[in-house]
Amino acid sequence: MSTPIPQPPGVPLLGNIFDVNPNNTWWSLKTLAEKYGEIFQINALGHRIVFIASAALAGEICDEKRFRKYVGGPIEEIRYAVHDSLFTAYHHEESWGVAHRIIAPQLSPEAVANHFDEFLQCTDELISKWHGLGPDARIRPLDQLNRLNLEVTTLTFFGKKLNCLDGPEHSMIRAMEDSTSEAIKRPTRPKLLNWLVHGGKFKRATKTMRSFAAELVKERQQNPSDRRDLLWTLLNAKDPETGKGLTEAQVIDEIVTMPIGSSTAPCAIAAGILFLLQNPDAVVKARDEIDAVVGDGPFRQDHVSQLPYVAGLVRETLRLSCAAPGFNIEPIPKPGDESPVLLAGGKYQIPHNQAMIIVLAGVNRDPAVFEDPLAFRPERMMGDRFEQLPAAVKKWFGNGKRECIGKHWAWEFLVVVMAKLIREVDFEAVDPKYKLKQDGWFNIRPIDFFVKVKPRAR
């Protein structure tokens, strides 16, 4: 006999729509995971959704022999902007394999390492800007890091220096915010309301993003370069299996997808700054390591792999920040077989076509895996201790075949930026009593978190 899956009480007809705040979906799911445990479900306007919040169950449904990525809900909505891109392609679409085989070599560890100087250049520019602020100036780290992310993404992938660290916020940042927020909210609204009231916002954001991408393409076409970056690859490379290339529309799809995908990195670093303020001993340990490895000379690419404590610090930041908050899974269809899918050795059962959402705020804080799971302890993310952790608590970049293709780029960005900030900047919380609260869409980030910055005291 299977165990019923827990569910909040809800209200007649509307189900559990009041249990999930559409303006802060992931924080609501975090709260529900803390209340109901490893698995729970909600009913929203007659639509059932199951959520997984333990490492054991997450590990089970990440088995690609039984389950696969579910392309539905918000992911399906964002197809309006990026169509059948790497992030949003359905399983039956050939375009995913073509694009993946074309793009993957440009995002290998070796290819990413070739852009180290550009990572460093942009990060140095941001730090220089901060050093020029007065001692009482306060900043919202997320805003600054979003600019840095767009600057680095556009330079490393597409060979374009935006110079967007200063001045008005770049229109691409607002368009990404508007499009992803709409993609999250649209499945919870009646279709007529989406069309009549909210459709204009979605269309405007999509137009801005695709115009940005089209300008990058146009500029490269009008100014040919021997730079063999991702943009060159998108425009010129052929799939080694089919011989197919990408159409210009598909190139634009992938250009738009890249900064949306990378937007989790600044969210993680913003949360990481808070964790460092709350754990000054971690700053001391990280600085001791960086000073011993880098010394007084310049930070080099080969230093990235020589900073095990910083690596542990970044992993612990990813664990606790849940900047990429979760992902969708569904059972692999079995033609003619509609029997229930059994989980946890038959303890739970779900319909054969039931989509599930992994809530990393639950999985990453699972007390069955982590002692004192809310504590910030980089040491547990180092060496053998890290290797011995279950794979399910390392899913910061997704899972399996559909794992984030840019994970090596993201890792380089995270380690370089965190190491540089720790090495060269002193932070002070504007509100020393601030406690982490997050919101967000395809990413989650600290709300109303402000700091003062100044050059590191030596």
Foldseek 3Di string as FASTA:
>chain_A
DADDAAEPPADPQQWCPVQADLQFRLLSVLVVCVVRPQKHWTAGNNDIAIAGFALQQLVVQLPVVWKDFDQDQLLVQLCVQQPCALQRNDPVDPVNLFVCLLQLVCQDLVNLQVCLVLLVVLLVVLVVVQQPDDQPDKDQLLQQVLQSLVQSLCCQALVDGPPQSDDDHDLLSVLLQQQLSCSNNVVNDDPVCCVPPVVVSNVVSSVVLLVVLVVSLVVCVVPPDPDPHNLVSLVDPGRPPPRDGDDPSNSSSHSSVRSSLLSLLSQLVSQLVVLCLVPVVLLVVQQVQCCVQQPPHDDHSVCLVSRQLLLLSSQLSCLQSCQQFKGKMFTDDDPPDFDWDATPNNNHTDTNGHMHIYGSSSHSQPCVQDPVSNRRDSVCCGDPSVVPGDVSNRQSQHHDPSGNSNPSSSSSSNSSSVSVCSNWKDKAWPDSPDDFDWRGGSTIHGDPTMIRIHTDDD
